Amino acid sequence: MPFQPRVAILVPTPDYYEKWQPAFARKAAALTAVGLIVEQRVWTDPGDLSGYDLILPLFAWGYQRDVAVWYALLDRLESEALPVVNPVPVLRWNSDKAYLAELGAKGVAVVPTIEVAALDDAVLAAARAELDAEEVVIKPAISGGADGTHRIAAGAAVPADALGQRRLVQPLMPGILTEGEYSLFFFDGQFSHAIVKRPASGDFRVQEQFGG
């Protein structure tokens, strides 16, 4: 028999609320069609991964809700030198949106972002002034699926779930509401394609669970 590489795709826990199965099925079908053996492993408890030729954390959704477990998994993947795409240092760096400041310092055009250690109304007011923006968006630095992300109108108070928490504050970008949000896809350093994600009318979040 010809050699068939084994691929583990990391997936959410069974109780995760977002619908990931259709997207998984499409990706698994594409990989299977070219001769790969594809298996699911729940990212929070994936078991022995040493027998796989490639590990894809494509659906490790919900990591923002169990950050300690996520970072422990990354540490394990790195220490066991397992074949992960993207590499573990990239995954770790990309997990915390503090990377925006790093990119900005290197001249990359990023949304103006202020990181605060403990958000309250006074800190929010100061961030508004520094950003020169009445309407802002706040989000956790480690986030996904728009969890904990809020659009805050001029004069509105800090939402209860963000009070006293580490948060990023950004001006609301009007283009998100009118044009949408672009995602660019690169493979091996080469641009492949882009998609545009648009929010539902009256919302600013582009995720499917919010009507985007």
N, C-alpha and C. Protein backbone atom coordinates (compact mmCIF):
# COMPACT_ATOMS: atom_id res chain seq x y z
N MET A 1 0.84 -1.20 0.00
CA MET A 1 0.00 0.00 0.00
C MET A 1 0.87 1.25 0.00
N PRO A 2 0.47 2.27 -0.72
CA PRO A 2 1.22 3.52 -0.69
C PRO A 2 1.11 4.17 0.67
N PHE A 3 2.15 4.92 1.03
CA PHE A 3 2.16 5.62 2.31
C PHE A 3 1.06 6.68 2.34
N GLN A 4 0.28 6.69 3.41
CA GLN A 4 -0.78 7.69 3.60
C GLN A 4 -0.49 8.50 4.85
N PRO A 5 -0.10 9.75 4.70
CA PRO A 5 0.17 10.58 5.88
C PRO A 5 -1.07 10.74 6.75
N ARG A 6 -0.83 10.76 8.06
CA ARG A 6 -1.92 10.95 9.02
C ARG A 6 -1.93 12.40 9.47
N VAL A 7 -3.11 13.00 9.42
CA VAL A 7 -3.27 14.40 9.80
C VAL A 7 -4.27 14.50 10.94
N ALA A 8 -3.88 15.19 12.00
CA ALA A 8 -4.79 15.47 13.11
C ALA A 8 -5.27 16.90 13.01
N ILE A 9 -6.57 17.10 12.94
CA ILE A 9 -7.14 18.44 12.97
C ILE A 9 -7.74 18.67 14.36
N LEU A 10 -7.25 19.69 15.03
CA LEU A 10 -7.74 19.99 16.37
C LEU A 10 -9.10 20.68 16.26
N VAL A 11 -10.05 20.21 17.07
CA VAL A 11 -11.43 20.70 17.01
C VAL A 11 -11.90 21.12 18.39
N PRO A 12 -13.04 21.84 18.48
CA PRO A 12 -13.54 22.30 19.78
C PRO A 12 -14.10 21.16 20.63
N THR A 13 -14.38 21.50 21.87
CA THR A 13 -15.06 20.57 22.76
C THR A 13 -16.50 20.39 22.26
N PRO A 14 -17.14 19.27 22.60
CA PRO A 14 -18.49 18.99 22.09
C PRO A 14 -19.52 20.06 22.43
N ASP A 15 -19.31 20.79 23.52
CA ASP A 15 -20.30 21.78 23.93
C ASP A 15 -20.03 23.17 23.35
N TYR A 16 -19.04 23.29 22.46
CA TYR A 16 -18.73 24.61 21.92
C TYR A 16 -19.87 25.07 21.03
N TYR A 17 -20.23 26.34 21.15
CA TYR A 17 -21.48 26.83 20.57
C TYR A 17 -21.43 27.12 19.08
N GLU A 18 -20.25 27.44 18.55
CA GLU A 18 -20.19 27.78 17.13
C GLU A 18 -20.25 26.53 16.26
N LYS A 19 -20.86 26.66 15.09
CA LYS A 19 -21.00 25.53 14.17
C LYS A 19 -19.73 25.38 13.34
N TRP A 20 -18.90 24.43 13.75
CA TRP A 20 -17.62 24.23 13.06
C TRP A 20 -17.65 23.00 12.15
N GLN A 21 -18.62 22.11 12.33
CA GLN A 21 -18.61 20.83 11.62
C GLN A 21 -18.64 20.96 10.09
N PRO A 22 -19.49 21.86 9.51
CA PRO A 22 -19.49 21.96 8.04
C PRO A 22 -18.14 22.40 7.48
N ALA A 23 -17.48 23.34 8.14
CA ALA A 23 -16.17 23.79 7.66
C ALA A 23 -15.14 22.67 7.81
N PHE A 24 -15.23 21.93 8.91
CA PHE A 24 -14.32 20.79 9.09
C PHE A 24 -14.52 19.77 7.97
N ALA A 25 -15.77 19.48 7.66
CA ALA A 25 -16.06 18.47 6.64
C ALA A 25 -15.46 18.85 5.29
N ARG A 26 -15.54 20.13 4.94
CA ARG A 26 -14.97 20.57 3.67
C ARG A 26 -13.46 20.41 3.64
N LYS A 27 -12.81 20.80 4.71
CA LYS A 27 -11.35 20.69 4.76
C LYS A 27 -10.91 19.23 4.80
N ALA A 28 -11.60 18.42 5.58
CA ALA A 28 -11.25 17.00 5.67
C ALA A 28 -11.43 16.32 4.32
N ALA A 29 -12.49 16.68 3.60
CA ALA A 29 -12.74 16.08 2.29
C ALA A 29 -11.63 16.44 1.31
N ALA A 30 -11.17 17.68 1.35
CA ALA A 30 -10.09 18.10 0.45
C ALA A 30 -8.80 17.35 0.74
N LEU A 31 -8.50 17.16 2.02
CA LEU A 31 -7.27 16.45 2.39
C LEU A 31 -7.37 14.96 2.08
N THR A 32 -8.52 14.40 2.35
CA THR A 32 -8.73 12.98 2.06
C THR A 32 -8.63 12.70 0.57
N ALA A 33 -9.10 13.64 -0.25
CA ALA A 33 -9.10 13.46 -1.70
C ALA A 33 -7.69 13.33 -2.28
N VAL A 34 -6.71 13.87 -1.57
CA VAL A 34 -5.32 13.77 -2.06
C VAL A 34 -4.53 12.71 -1.31
N GLY A 35 -5.26 11.83 -0.60
CA GLY A 35 -4.61 10.65 -0.03
C GLY A 35 -4.20 10.74 1.42
N LEU A 36 -4.63 11.76 2.14
CA LEU A 36 -4.28 11.88 3.55
C LEU A 36 -5.35 11.23 4.43
N ILE A 37 -4.92 10.70 5.55
CA ILE A 37 -5.84 10.18 6.55
C ILE A 37 -6.09 11.28 7.57
N VAL A 38 -7.35 11.69 7.72
CA VAL A 38 -7.69 12.83 8.56
C VAL A 38 -8.47 12.36 9.79
N GLU A 39 -8.04 12.82 10.94
CA GLU A 39 -8.72 12.47 12.19
C GLU A 39 -8.93 13.72 13.02
N GLN A 40 -10.00 13.71 13.83
CA GLN A 40 -10.28 14.80 14.75
C GLN A 40 -9.63 14.53 16.10
N ARG A 41 -9.14 15.58 16.73
CA ARG A 41 -8.68 15.52 18.11
C ARG A 41 -9.15 16.78 18.83
N VAL A 42 -9.85 16.62 19.96
CA VAL A 42 -10.32 17.77 20.72
C VAL A 42 -9.12 18.49 21.32
N TRP A 43 -9.02 19.78 21.06
CA TRP A 43 -7.78 20.48 21.39
C TRP A 43 -7.51 20.54 22.89
N THR A 44 -8.54 20.52 23.72
CA THR A 44 -8.32 20.61 25.16
C THR A 44 -7.75 19.33 25.76
N ASP A 45 -7.92 18.21 25.07
CA ASP A 45 -7.41 16.93 25.55
C ASP A 45 -7.14 16.03 24.35
N PRO A 46 -6.11 16.33 23.57
CA PRO A 46 -5.92 15.62 22.29
C PRO A 46 -5.28 14.25 22.41
N GLY A 47 -4.80 13.89 23.61
CA GLY A 47 -4.15 12.60 23.75
C GLY A 47 -2.80 12.54 23.05
N ASP A 48 -2.38 11.33 22.69
CA ASP A 48 -1.08 11.12 22.07
C ASP A 48 -1.12 11.61 20.62
N LEU A 49 -0.26 12.57 20.30
CA LEU A 49 -0.21 13.13 18.95
C LEU A 49 1.06 12.73 18.20
N SER A 50 1.83 11.85 18.81
CA SER A 50 3.15 11.55 18.23
C SER A 50 3.07 10.76 16.93
N GLY A 51 1.95 10.11 16.66
CA GLY A 51 1.85 9.28 15.46
C GLY A 51 1.40 10.03 14.21
N TYR A 52 1.21 11.34 14.33
CA TYR A 52 0.71 12.10 13.19
C TYR A 52 1.84 12.76 12.41
N ASP A 53 1.65 12.80 11.12
CA ASP A 53 2.63 13.45 10.25
C ASP A 53 2.41 14.96 10.17
N LEU A 54 1.23 15.40 10.56
CA LEU A 54 0.93 16.83 10.55
C LEU A 54 -0.22 17.09 11.52
N ILE A 55 -0.10 18.18 12.26
CA ILE A 55 -1.15 18.61 13.19
C ILE A 55 -1.61 19.99 12.77
N LEU A 56 -2.91 20.12 12.54
CA LEU A 56 -3.49 21.39 12.09
C LEU A 56 -4.45 21.91 13.16
N PRO A 57 -4.13 23.00 13.83
CA PRO A 57 -5.04 23.55 14.85
C PRO A 57 -6.12 24.43 14.24
N LEU A 58 -6.72 23.97 13.16
CA LEU A 58 -7.65 24.79 12.39
C LEU A 58 -8.90 25.14 13.17
N PHE A 59 -9.34 24.25 14.04
CA PHE A 59 -10.59 24.48 14.75
C PHE A 59 -10.38 24.42 16.26
N ALA A 60 -9.26 24.94 16.71
CA ALA A 60 -9.02 25.02 18.16
C ALA A 60 -9.79 26.23 18.70
N TRP A 61 -11.06 26.25 18.35
CA TRP A 61 -11.91 27.38 18.72
C TRP A 61 -12.27 27.30 20.20
N GLY A 62 -12.38 28.45 20.81
CA GLY A 62 -12.67 28.52 22.23
C GLY A 62 -11.42 28.65 23.08
N TYR A 63 -10.24 28.75 22.45
CA TYR A 63 -9.01 28.85 23.24
C TYR A 63 -9.03 30.09 24.13
N GLN A 64 -9.75 31.13 23.70
CA GLN A 64 -9.81 32.37 24.48
C GLN A 64 -10.57 32.17 25.79
N ARG A 65 -11.31 31.08 25.89
CA ARG A 65 -12.08 30.81 27.11
C ARG A 65 -11.32 29.91 28.09
N ASP A 66 -10.22 29.36 27.64
CA ASP A 66 -9.39 28.50 28.51
C ASP A 66 -7.94 28.72 28.14
N VAL A 67 -7.48 29.93 28.40
CA VAL A 67 -6.17 30.37 27.93
C VAL A 67 -5.05 29.51 28.50
N ALA A 68 -5.15 29.15 29.78
CA ALA A 68 -4.08 28.35 30.40
C ALA A 68 -3.93 27.01 29.70
N VAL A 69 -5.05 26.37 29.36
CA VAL A 69 -5.00 25.08 28.67
C VAL A 69 -4.43 25.25 27.26
N TRP A 70 -4.79 26.33 26.60
CA TRP A 70 -4.28 26.60 25.25
C TRP A 70 -2.76 26.77 25.25
N TYR A 71 -2.26 27.60 26.18
CA TYR A 71 -0.82 27.81 26.23
C TYR A 71 -0.09 26.54 26.66
N ALA A 72 -0.72 25.75 27.52
CA ALA A 72 -0.11 24.48 27.91
C ALA A 72 -0.01 23.54 26.71
N LEU A 73 -1.02 23.55 25.86
CA LEU A 73 -0.98 22.73 24.65
C LEU A 73 0.14 23.21 23.72
N LEU A 74 0.27 24.52 23.55
CA LEU A 74 1.34 25.04 22.71
C LEU A 74 2.71 24.65 23.26
N ASP A 75 2.87 24.75 24.57
CA ASP A 75 4.14 24.35 25.19
C ASP A 75 4.44 22.88 24.93
N ARG A 76 3.39 22.06 25.01
CA ARG A 76 3.57 20.63 24.78
C ARG A 76 3.94 20.34 23.33
N LEU A 77 3.24 20.97 22.40
CA LEU A 77 3.54 20.76 20.99
C LEU A 77 4.98 21.14 20.68
N GLU A 78 5.44 22.22 21.32
CA GLU A 78 6.80 22.69 21.09
C GLU A 78 7.82 21.76 21.73
N SER A 79 7.57 21.36 22.97
CA SER A 79 8.55 20.53 23.68
C SER A 79 8.68 19.15 23.06
N GLU A 80 7.59 18.64 22.48
CA GLU A 80 7.63 17.33 21.84
C GLU A 80 8.02 17.42 20.36
N ALA A 81 8.30 18.64 19.91
CA ALA A 81 8.74 18.88 18.52
C ALA A 81 7.77 18.24 17.52
N LEU A 82 6.48 18.43 17.77
CA LEU A 82 5.47 17.85 16.89
C LEU A 82 5.28 18.72 15.64
N PRO A 83 4.92 18.12 14.53
CA PRO A 83 4.82 18.85 13.25
C PRO A 83 3.52 19.64 13.14
N VAL A 84 3.58 20.90 13.55
CA VAL A 84 2.39 21.74 13.61
C VAL A 84 2.46 22.82 12.54
N VAL A 85 1.33 23.11 11.93
CA VAL A 85 1.20 24.24 11.01
C VAL A 85 0.01 25.08 11.49
N ASN A 86 0.27 26.35 11.78
CA ASN A 86 1.50 27.12 11.74
C ASN A 86 2.43 26.72 12.87
N PRO A 87 3.72 27.12 12.78
CA PRO A 87 4.65 26.78 13.85
C PRO A 87 4.18 27.34 15.20
N VAL A 88 4.57 26.65 16.26
CA VAL A 88 4.12 27.05 17.60
C VAL A 88 4.48 28.49 17.94
N PRO A 89 5.69 28.97 17.66
CA PRO A 89 5.97 30.38 17.99
C PRO A 89 5.01 31.36 17.31
N VAL A 90 4.57 31.04 16.10
CA VAL A 90 3.61 31.90 15.41
C VAL A 90 2.25 31.82 16.10
N LEU A 91 1.83 30.62 16.46
CA LEU A 91 0.55 30.46 17.15
C LEU A 91 0.54 31.20 18.48
N ARG A 92 1.64 31.09 19.22
CA ARG A 92 1.71 31.75 20.52
C ARG A 92 1.69 33.27 20.35
N TRP A 93 2.46 33.78 19.40
CA TRP A 93 2.51 35.22 19.15
C TRP A 93 1.16 35.75 18.71
N ASN A 94 0.47 34.98 17.89
CA ASN A 94 -0.80 35.42 17.32
C ASN A 94 -1.97 35.29 18.31
N SER A 95 -1.75 34.61 19.42
CA SER A 95 -2.84 34.38 20.37
C SER A 95 -3.20 35.64 21.15
N ASP A 96 -2.24 36.53 21.32
CA ASP A 96 -2.45 37.73 22.12
C ASP A 96 -2.33 38.95 21.21
N LYS A 97 -3.40 39.73 21.13
CA LYS A 97 -3.43 40.85 20.18
C LYS A 97 -2.53 42.01 20.59
N ALA A 98 -1.73 41.82 21.63
CA ALA A 98 -0.68 42.79 21.91
C ALA A 98 0.28 42.89 20.74
N TYR A 99 0.22 41.91 19.83
CA TYR A 99 1.08 41.98 18.64
C TYR A 99 0.79 43.22 17.80
N LEU A 100 -0.39 43.82 17.97
CA LEU A 100 -0.72 45.02 17.20
C LEU A 100 0.28 46.15 17.47
N ALA A 101 0.66 46.30 18.75
CA ALA A 101 1.63 47.34 19.10
C ALA A 101 2.98 47.03 18.47
N GLU A 102 3.36 45.77 18.47
CA GLU A 102 4.63 45.37 17.86
C GLU A 102 4.63 45.66 16.36
N LEU A 103 3.53 45.32 15.69
CA LEU A 103 3.44 45.59 14.26
C LEU A 103 3.46 47.10 13.98
N GLY A 104 2.71 47.84 14.79
CA GLY A 104 2.68 49.29 14.60
C GLY A 104 4.04 49.91 14.76
N ALA A 105 4.82 49.42 15.74
CA ALA A 105 6.15 49.96 15.97
C ALA A 105 7.09 49.69 14.79
N LYS A 106 6.75 48.68 14.00
CA LYS A 106 7.57 48.35 12.84
C LYS A 106 7.05 48.97 11.56
N GLY A 107 6.07 49.86 11.70
CA GLY A 107 5.59 50.60 10.54
C GLY A 107 4.43 49.98 9.81
N VAL A 108 3.87 48.90 10.35
CA VAL A 108 2.70 48.29 9.73
C VAL A 108 1.46 49.13 10.07
N ALA A 109 0.61 49.34 9.08
CA ALA A 109 -0.62 50.10 9.32
C ALA A 109 -1.60 49.24 10.12
N VAL A 110 -1.87 49.63 11.34
CA VAL A 110 -2.80 48.88 12.20
C VAL A 110 -3.84 49.86 12.74
N VAL A 111 -4.95 49.31 13.20
CA VAL A 111 -5.95 50.13 13.87
C VAL A 111 -5.34 50.70 15.15
N PRO A 112 -5.44 51.99 15.40
CA PRO A 112 -4.90 52.55 16.65
C PRO A 112 -5.45 51.79 17.85
N THR A 113 -4.56 51.36 18.73
CA THR A 113 -4.96 50.48 19.83
C THR A 113 -4.29 50.92 21.12
N ILE A 114 -5.09 51.01 22.17
CA ILE A 114 -4.56 51.30 23.50
C ILE A 114 -4.84 50.09 24.38
N GLU A 115 -3.81 49.56 24.98
CA GLU A 115 -3.97 48.43 25.91
C GLU A 115 -4.04 48.96 27.33
N VAL A 116 -5.04 48.50 28.07
CA VAL A 116 -5.18 48.91 29.47
C VAL A 116 -5.20 47.67 30.35
N ALA A 117 -4.58 47.79 31.51
CA ALA A 117 -4.47 46.64 32.41
C ALA A 117 -5.76 46.37 33.16
N ALA A 118 -6.51 47.42 33.49
CA ALA A 118 -7.76 47.27 34.24
C ALA A 118 -8.71 48.38 33.80
N LEU A 119 -9.69 48.03 32.99
CA LEU A 119 -10.57 49.02 32.39
C LEU A 119 -11.62 49.50 33.38
N ASP A 120 -11.79 50.83 33.45
CA ASP A 120 -12.91 51.42 34.17
C ASP A 120 -13.34 52.66 33.40
N ASP A 121 -14.33 53.38 33.92
CA ASP A 121 -14.87 54.51 33.17
C ASP A 121 -13.83 55.61 32.97
N ALA A 122 -13.01 55.86 33.98
CA ALA A 122 -11.99 56.90 33.86
C ALA A 122 -10.95 56.53 32.82
N VAL A 123 -10.52 55.29 32.86
CA VAL A 123 -9.52 54.81 31.89
C VAL A 123 -10.11 54.85 30.49
N LEU A 124 -11.38 54.47 30.36
CA LEU A 124 -12.03 54.50 29.05
C LEU A 124 -12.11 55.93 28.52
N ALA A 125 -12.45 56.88 29.39
CA ALA A 125 -12.53 58.27 28.97
C ALA A 125 -11.17 58.78 28.50
N ALA A 126 -10.11 58.38 29.20
CA ALA A 126 -8.77 58.79 28.80
C ALA A 126 -8.38 58.18 27.46
N ALA A 127 -8.78 56.92 27.25
CA ALA A 127 -8.48 56.26 25.97
C ALA A 127 -9.22 56.93 24.83
N ARG A 128 -10.49 57.28 25.07
CA ARG A 128 -11.26 58.00 24.05
C ARG A 128 -10.54 59.29 23.64
N ALA A 129 -10.07 60.02 24.65
CA ALA A 129 -9.40 61.29 24.38
C ALA A 129 -8.11 61.08 23.60
N GLU A 130 -7.35 60.08 24.00
CA GLU A 130 -6.08 59.80 23.31
C GLU A 130 -6.32 59.37 21.87
N LEU A 131 -7.37 58.59 21.65
CA LEU A 131 -7.69 58.12 20.30
C LEU A 131 -8.46 59.15 19.49
N ASP A 132 -8.95 60.19 20.18
CA ASP A 132 -9.79 61.21 19.55
C ASP A 132 -10.98 60.55 18.86
N ALA A 133 -11.63 59.67 19.62
CA ALA A 133 -12.77 58.90 19.09
C ALA A 133 -13.86 58.84 20.14
N GLU A 134 -15.05 59.27 19.78
CA GLU A 134 -16.16 59.18 20.71
C GLU A 134 -16.68 57.76 20.83
N GLU A 135 -16.80 57.08 19.68
CA GLU A 135 -17.31 55.70 19.69
C GLU A 135 -16.13 54.75 19.54
N VAL A 136 -16.05 53.81 20.46
CA VAL A 136 -14.91 52.90 20.47
C VAL A 136 -15.37 51.45 20.53
N VAL A 137 -14.42 50.57 20.29
CA VAL A 137 -14.63 49.13 20.45
C VAL A 137 -13.62 48.64 21.48
N ILE A 138 -14.10 47.83 22.41
CA ILE A 138 -13.19 47.21 23.37
C ILE A 138 -13.24 45.70 23.18
N LYS A 139 -12.11 45.06 23.43
CA LYS A 139 -12.04 43.61 23.27
C LYS A 139 -10.94 43.05 24.17
N PRO A 140 -11.07 41.79 24.58
CA PRO A 140 -9.97 41.16 25.30
C PRO A 140 -8.75 41.03 24.39
N ALA A 141 -7.57 41.08 24.98
CA ALA A 141 -6.35 40.92 24.19
C ALA A 141 -6.25 39.50 23.64
N ILE A 142 -6.73 38.55 24.39
CA ILE A 142 -6.79 37.16 23.92
C ILE A 142 -8.26 36.87 23.66
N SER A 143 -8.64 36.85 22.40
CA SER A 143 -10.06 36.77 22.08
C SER A 143 -10.28 36.02 20.79
N GLY A 144 -11.49 35.62 20.57
CA GLY A 144 -11.88 34.94 19.35
C GLY A 144 -13.38 34.94 19.23
N GLY A 145 -13.89 34.93 18.01
CA GLY A 145 -15.32 34.88 17.80
C GLY A 145 -16.06 36.08 18.35
N ALA A 146 -15.36 37.20 18.53
CA ALA A 146 -15.93 38.44 19.09
C ALA A 146 -16.38 38.26 20.54
N ASP A 147 -15.89 37.24 21.24
CA ASP A 147 -16.19 37.10 22.66
C ASP A 147 -15.74 38.34 23.41
N GLY A 148 -16.61 38.89 24.22
CA GLY A 148 -16.23 40.02 25.06
C GLY A 148 -15.95 41.30 24.29
N THR A 149 -16.36 41.37 23.05
CA THR A 149 -16.12 42.55 22.22
C THR A 149 -17.36 43.43 22.24
N HIS A 150 -17.18 44.71 22.53
CA HIS A 150 -18.30 45.63 22.67
C HIS A 150 -18.06 46.91 21.88
N ARG A 151 -19.10 47.41 21.28
CA ARG A 151 -19.11 48.74 20.67
C ARG A 151 -19.70 49.69 21.71
N ILE A 152 -18.95 50.73 22.07
CA ILE A 152 -19.37 51.62 23.15
C ILE A 152 -19.58 53.02 22.60
N ALA A 153 -20.79 53.48 22.67
CA ALA A 153 -21.14 54.80 22.16
C ALA A 153 -20.59 55.89 23.07
N ALA A 154 -20.58 57.10 22.57
CA ALA A 154 -20.10 58.24 23.35
C ALA A 154 -20.87 58.35 24.65
N GLY A 155 -20.13 58.45 25.75
CA GLY A 155 -20.76 58.62 27.06
C GLY A 155 -21.21 57.35 27.73
N ALA A 156 -21.18 56.22 27.02
CA ALA A 156 -21.63 54.95 27.63
C ALA A 156 -20.58 54.42 28.59
N ALA A 157 -21.05 53.68 29.59
CA ALA A 157 -20.15 53.15 30.62
C ALA A 157 -19.50 51.85 30.15
N VAL A 158 -18.52 51.43 30.92
CA VAL A 158 -17.84 50.16 30.64
C VAL A 158 -18.80 49.00 30.91
N PRO A 159 -18.94 48.06 29.98
CA PRO A 159 -19.79 46.88 30.24
C PRO A 159 -19.29 46.10 31.45
N ALA A 160 -20.22 45.47 32.14
CA ALA A 160 -19.89 44.79 33.39
C ALA A 160 -18.81 43.72 33.21
N ASP A 161 -18.86 42.98 32.10
CA ASP A 161 -17.90 41.89 31.93
C ASP A 161 -16.48 42.38 31.66
N ALA A 162 -16.33 43.68 31.33
CA ALA A 162 -15.01 44.23 31.04
C ALA A 162 -14.45 45.05 32.19
N LEU A 163 -15.26 45.34 33.18
CA LEU A 163 -14.85 46.22 34.27
C LEU A 163 -13.69 45.59 35.05
N GLY A 164 -12.61 46.33 35.15
CA GLY A 164 -11.44 45.85 35.88
C GLY A 164 -10.59 44.85 35.13
N GLN A 165 -10.92 44.59 33.86
CA GLN A 165 -10.22 43.57 33.09
C GLN A 165 -9.22 44.20 32.11
N ARG A 166 -8.21 43.43 31.75
CA ARG A 166 -7.30 43.85 30.69
C ARG A 166 -8.07 43.91 29.37
N ARG A 167 -7.98 45.03 28.69
CA ARG A 167 -8.72 45.20 27.45
C ARG A 167 -7.92 46.05 26.46
N LEU A 168 -8.24 45.87 25.19
CA LEU A 168 -7.76 46.74 24.13
C LEU A 168 -8.88 47.69 23.75
N VAL A 169 -8.53 48.94 23.56
CA VAL A 169 -9.51 49.96 23.17
C VAL A 169 -9.10 50.48 21.80
N GLN A 170 -10.06 50.50 20.88
CA GLN A 170 -9.81 50.95 19.51
C GLN A 170 -10.95 51.86 19.07
N PRO A 171 -10.67 52.80 18.16
CA PRO A 171 -11.78 53.57 17.59
C PRO A 171 -12.64 52.67 16.71
N LEU A 172 -13.93 52.91 16.69
CA LEU A 172 -14.78 52.18 15.76
C LEU A 172 -14.40 52.59 14.33
N MET A 173 -14.10 51.61 13.49
CA MET A 173 -13.72 51.89 12.12
C MET A 173 -14.98 51.87 11.25
N PRO A 174 -15.41 53.02 10.75
CA PRO A 174 -16.68 53.08 10.00
C PRO A 174 -16.70 52.16 8.78
N GLY A 175 -15.54 51.89 8.21
CA GLY A 175 -15.49 51.03 7.03
C GLY A 175 -15.99 49.62 7.29
N ILE A 176 -15.88 49.16 8.54
CA ILE A 176 -16.39 47.83 8.89
C ILE A 176 -17.90 47.78 8.66
N LEU A 177 -18.58 48.89 8.98
CA LEU A 177 -20.03 48.93 8.88
C LEU A 177 -20.50 49.04 7.43
N THR A 178 -19.70 49.69 6.60
CA THR A 178 -20.14 49.95 5.22
C THR A 178 -19.54 48.98 4.21
N GLU A 179 -18.26 48.68 4.37
CA GLU A 179 -17.57 47.85 3.39
C GLU A 179 -17.30 46.44 3.88
N GLY A 180 -17.06 46.30 5.17
CA GLY A 180 -16.76 44.99 5.72
C GLY A 180 -15.31 44.87 6.15
N GLU A 181 -14.94 43.68 6.51
CA GLU A 181 -13.60 43.38 7.02
C GLU A 181 -12.94 42.38 6.09
N TYR A 182 -11.74 42.71 5.63
CA TYR A 182 -11.03 41.84 4.70
C TYR A 182 -10.06 40.92 5.44
N SER A 183 -10.03 39.67 5.03
CA SER A 183 -9.03 38.72 5.51
C SER A 183 -8.17 38.31 4.33
N LEU A 184 -6.86 38.41 4.50
CA LEU A 184 -5.91 38.05 3.45
C LEU A 184 -5.27 36.72 3.79
N PHE A 185 -5.15 35.85 2.80
CA PHE A 185 -4.62 34.50 3.00
C PHE A 185 -3.28 34.36 2.28
N PHE A 186 -2.29 33.93 3.04
CA PHE A 186 -0.95 33.71 2.50
C PHE A 186 -0.53 32.27 2.76
N PHE A 187 0.10 31.67 1.76
CA PHE A 187 0.64 30.32 1.91
C PHE A 187 2.11 30.36 1.52
N ASP A 188 2.96 29.93 2.47
CA ASP A 188 4.41 29.92 2.23
C ASP A 188 4.89 31.31 1.82
N GLY A 189 4.31 32.33 2.45
CA GLY A 189 4.75 33.69 2.20
C GLY A 189 4.19 34.34 0.96
N GLN A 190 3.33 33.63 0.24
CA GLN A 190 2.77 34.16 -1.00
C GLN A 190 1.28 34.42 -0.83
N PHE A 191 0.83 35.60 -1.28
CA PHE A 191 -0.59 35.91 -1.21
C PHE A 191 -1.38 34.97 -2.09
N SER A 192 -2.46 34.41 -1.53
CA SER A 192 -3.31 33.49 -2.28
C SER A 192 -4.63 34.15 -2.67
N HIS A 193 -5.38 34.64 -1.68
CA HIS A 193 -6.68 35.22 -1.97
C HIS A 193 -7.16 36.02 -0.76
N ALA A 194 -8.28 36.67 -0.94
CA ALA A 194 -8.88 37.44 0.15
C ALA A 194 -10.38 37.17 0.19
N ILE A 195 -10.96 37.36 1.36
CA ILE A 195 -12.41 37.31 1.50
C ILE A 195 -12.85 38.56 2.26
N VAL A 196 -14.07 38.96 2.05
CA VAL A 196 -14.62 40.08 2.80
C VAL A 196 -15.77 39.57 3.66
N LYS A 197 -15.73 39.97 4.92
CA LYS A 197 -16.76 39.57 5.88
C LYS A 197 -17.53 40.83 6.28
N ARG A 198 -18.84 40.75 6.19
CA ARG A 198 -19.68 41.92 6.45
C ARG A 198 -20.61 41.66 7.63
N PRO A 199 -20.79 42.66 8.48
CA PRO A 199 -21.72 42.47 9.61
C PRO A 199 -23.17 42.58 9.16
N ALA A 200 -24.04 42.04 9.99
CA ALA A 200 -25.47 42.20 9.75
C ALA A 200 -25.85 43.66 9.97
N SER A 201 -26.95 44.07 9.39
CA SER A 201 -27.43 45.43 9.56
C SER A 201 -27.63 45.74 11.04
N GLY A 202 -27.05 46.84 11.50
CA GLY A 202 -27.20 47.23 12.88
C GLY A 202 -26.16 46.65 13.82
N ASP A 203 -25.28 45.79 13.31
CA ASP A 203 -24.23 45.21 14.14
C ASP A 203 -22.88 45.63 13.58
N PHE A 204 -21.82 45.35 14.32
CA PHE A 204 -20.48 45.65 13.86
C PHE A 204 -19.60 44.42 13.80
N ARG A 205 -20.13 43.31 14.30
CA ARG A 205 -19.36 42.05 14.34
C ARG A 205 -19.64 41.23 13.09
N VAL A 206 -18.58 40.70 12.50
CA VAL A 206 -18.73 40.03 11.21
C VAL A 206 -18.94 38.52 11.35
N GLN A 207 -18.92 38.02 12.59
CA GLN A 207 -19.02 36.58 12.79
C GLN A 207 -20.42 36.07 12.47
N GLU A 208 -20.47 34.83 12.01
CA GLU A 208 -21.73 34.23 11.59
C GLU A 208 -22.76 34.17 12.72
N GLN A 209 -22.28 33.91 13.95
CA GLN A 209 -23.24 33.77 15.05
C GLN A 209 -23.92 35.09 15.39
N PHE A 210 -23.38 36.21 14.85
CA PHE A 210 -24.02 37.52 15.05
C PHE A 210 -24.69 38.00 13.77
N GLY A 211 -24.87 37.09 12.81
CA GLY A 211 -25.56 37.44 11.59
C GLY A 211 -24.67 37.91 10.46
N GLY A 212 -23.34 37.91 10.71
CA GLY A 212 -22.40 38.36 9.67
C GLY A 212 -22.31 37.38 8.54
